[in-house]
Amino acid sequence: MDAGINPTTGDLTGQRINTLGNAVYIRLTTPLGSWWKDPTVGSRLHELKRSKDLPRVGKLAAQYAEQALQPLLDDGRAQAISVTYEQPHNGWLNLLIEVVDVTGNPQVFRQPVRVN
């Protein structure tokens, strides 16, 4: 069990969780290569802040998220990961991530990503 992280604020929630929520949050919000303990943890999603709000940026965000979450599959903590996105073209896009953990329990996470 881990201390829960609120994905909107990045603050601890004060609750204990037994999902992959923290692992997903950390892998998506940490810039790739910047975590002191493991330089392979993180994503390239932070690079999209400089991108225009074009349709191709949504596809790129989904690819970046899949790459960042691949280690959860590789180390056996997840059975399957599916990433889709909503892009209302208002300067944000929302990644919708479904992770099936090793017990077969699906978990859905929503991660907002800022774009220009």
Protein backbone atom coordinates (compact mmCIF):
# COMPACT_ATOMS: atom_id res chain seq x y z
CA MET A 1 0.00 0.00 0.00
CA ASP A 2 1.21 3.45 -0.91
CA ALA A 3 0.23 6.93 0.17
CA GLY A 4 -2.12 8.22 -2.53
CA ILE A 5 -1.15 11.12 -4.78
CA ASN A 6 -3.81 13.49 -6.11
CA PRO A 7 -3.14 13.62 -9.88
CA THR A 8 -4.62 17.11 -10.16
CA THR A 9 -2.46 18.80 -7.55
CA GLY A 10 0.43 16.37 -6.99
CA ASP A 11 -0.24 16.47 -3.23
CA LEU A 12 -0.64 13.46 -0.97
CA THR A 13 -4.28 12.60 -0.33
CA GLY A 14 -3.82 11.16 3.15
CA GLN A 15 -5.31 7.86 2.01
CA ARG A 16 -3.62 4.53 1.39
CA ILE A 17 -4.04 3.02 -2.07
CA ASN A 18 -3.31 -0.41 -3.51
CA THR A 19 -3.56 0.52 -7.20
CA LEU A 20 -0.98 1.52 -9.77
CA GLY A 21 -2.15 5.14 -9.58
CA ASN A 22 1.09 6.49 -8.13
CA ALA A 23 3.25 4.60 -10.63
CA VAL A 24 1.16 5.93 -13.52
CA TYR A 25 1.20 9.49 -12.17
CA ILE A 26 4.95 9.54 -11.55
CA ARG A 27 5.80 8.03 -14.93
CA LEU A 28 3.62 10.54 -16.79
CA THR A 29 4.47 13.75 -14.92
CA THR A 30 8.21 13.29 -14.38
CA PRO A 31 10.31 14.55 -17.30
CA LEU A 32 12.19 11.60 -18.80
CA GLY A 33 15.70 11.28 -17.38
CA SER A 34 15.22 13.72 -14.50
CA TRP A 35 14.50 11.34 -11.63
CA TRP A 36 17.61 10.86 -9.52
CA LYS A 37 16.95 7.22 -8.63
CA ASP A 38 16.23 5.90 -12.12
CA PRO A 39 16.85 7.96 -15.26
CA THR A 40 14.55 5.68 -17.31
CA VAL A 41 11.47 6.79 -15.31
CA GLY A 42 9.39 9.54 -16.84
CA SER A 43 7.84 10.71 -20.08
CA ARG A 44 8.30 13.28 -22.80
CA LEU A 45 4.83 14.78 -22.20
CA HIS A 46 6.39 17.95 -20.76
CA GLU A 47 7.74 18.72 -24.25
CA LEU A 48 4.20 19.19 -25.56
CA LYS A 49 3.78 22.50 -23.70
CA ARG A 50 5.63 24.08 -26.61
CA SER A 51 3.55 22.33 -29.28
CA LYS A 52 0.60 23.81 -31.12
CA ASP A 53 -2.82 22.32 -30.37
CA LEU A 54 -2.94 20.26 -33.58
CA PRO A 55 -4.55 16.83 -34.07
CA ARG A 56 -1.16 15.12 -34.45
CA VAL A 57 -0.16 16.30 -30.96
CA GLY A 58 -2.85 14.09 -29.41
CA LYS A 59 -1.40 11.03 -31.16
CA LEU A 60 2.07 12.02 -30.05
CA ALA A 61 0.90 12.41 -26.43
CA ALA A 62 -0.62 8.94 -26.52
CA GLN A 63 2.66 7.51 -27.84
CA TYR A 64 4.67 9.30 -25.14
CA ALA A 65 2.33 7.93 -22.46
CA GLU A 66 2.57 4.38 -23.82
CA GLN A 67 6.37 4.59 -23.82
CA ALA A 68 6.41 5.92 -20.26
CA LEU A 69 4.08 3.18 -19.00
CA GLN A 70 5.73 0.28 -20.84
CA PRO A 71 7.93 -0.60 -17.81
CA LEU A 72 4.77 -1.45 -15.84
CA LEU A 73 4.13 -4.20 -18.40
CA ASP A 74 7.78 -5.22 -18.57
CA ASP A 75 8.12 -5.77 -14.82
CA GLY A 76 4.79 -7.60 -14.57
CA ARG A 77 2.84 -5.05 -12.51
CA ALA A 78 0.27 -4.62 -15.30
CA GLN A 79 -1.25 -7.07 -17.78
CA ALA A 80 -2.40 -4.49 -20.31
CA ILE A 81 -2.31 -0.73 -20.86
CA SER A 82 -4.54 1.21 -23.23
CA VAL A 83 -4.11 4.94 -23.92
CA THR A 84 -6.67 7.11 -25.70
CA TYR A 85 -7.10 10.87 -25.70
CA GLU A 86 -9.65 13.66 -25.88
CA GLN A 87 -8.54 16.87 -27.51
CA PRO A 88 -11.08 19.71 -27.27
CA HIS A 89 -8.54 22.16 -28.83
CA ASN A 90 -8.69 24.57 -25.89
CA GLY A 91 -5.00 24.37 -24.94
CA TRP A 92 -5.38 21.06 -23.11
CA LEU A 93 -5.74 17.43 -24.03
CA ASN A 94 -6.78 14.62 -21.72
CA LEU A 95 -5.15 11.24 -21.76
CA LEU A 96 -7.48 8.42 -20.77
CA ILE A 97 -5.42 5.49 -19.55
CA GLU A 98 -6.80 2.07 -18.72
CA VAL A 99 -4.42 -0.20 -16.82
CA VAL A 100 -5.28 -3.82 -16.09
CA ASP A 101 -3.25 -4.87 -13.05
CA VAL A 102 -1.93 -8.38 -12.39
CA THR A 103 -5.13 -9.37 -10.60
CA GLY A 104 -7.15 -8.52 -13.73
CA ASN A 105 -8.66 -5.41 -12.12
CA PRO A 106 -9.02 -2.55 -14.65
CA GLN A 107 -8.17 0.93 -13.43
CA VAL A 108 -8.87 4.12 -15.38
CA PHE A 109 -6.74 7.24 -15.02
CA ARG A 110 -7.18 10.67 -16.56
CA GLN A 111 -4.11 12.85 -17.12
CA PRO A 112 -4.43 16.42 -18.43
CA VAL A 113 -1.63 17.63 -20.70
CA ARG A 114 -1.04 21.30 -21.52
CA VAL A 115 -0.45 22.25 -25.17
CA ASN A 116 -0.25 25.66 -26.85
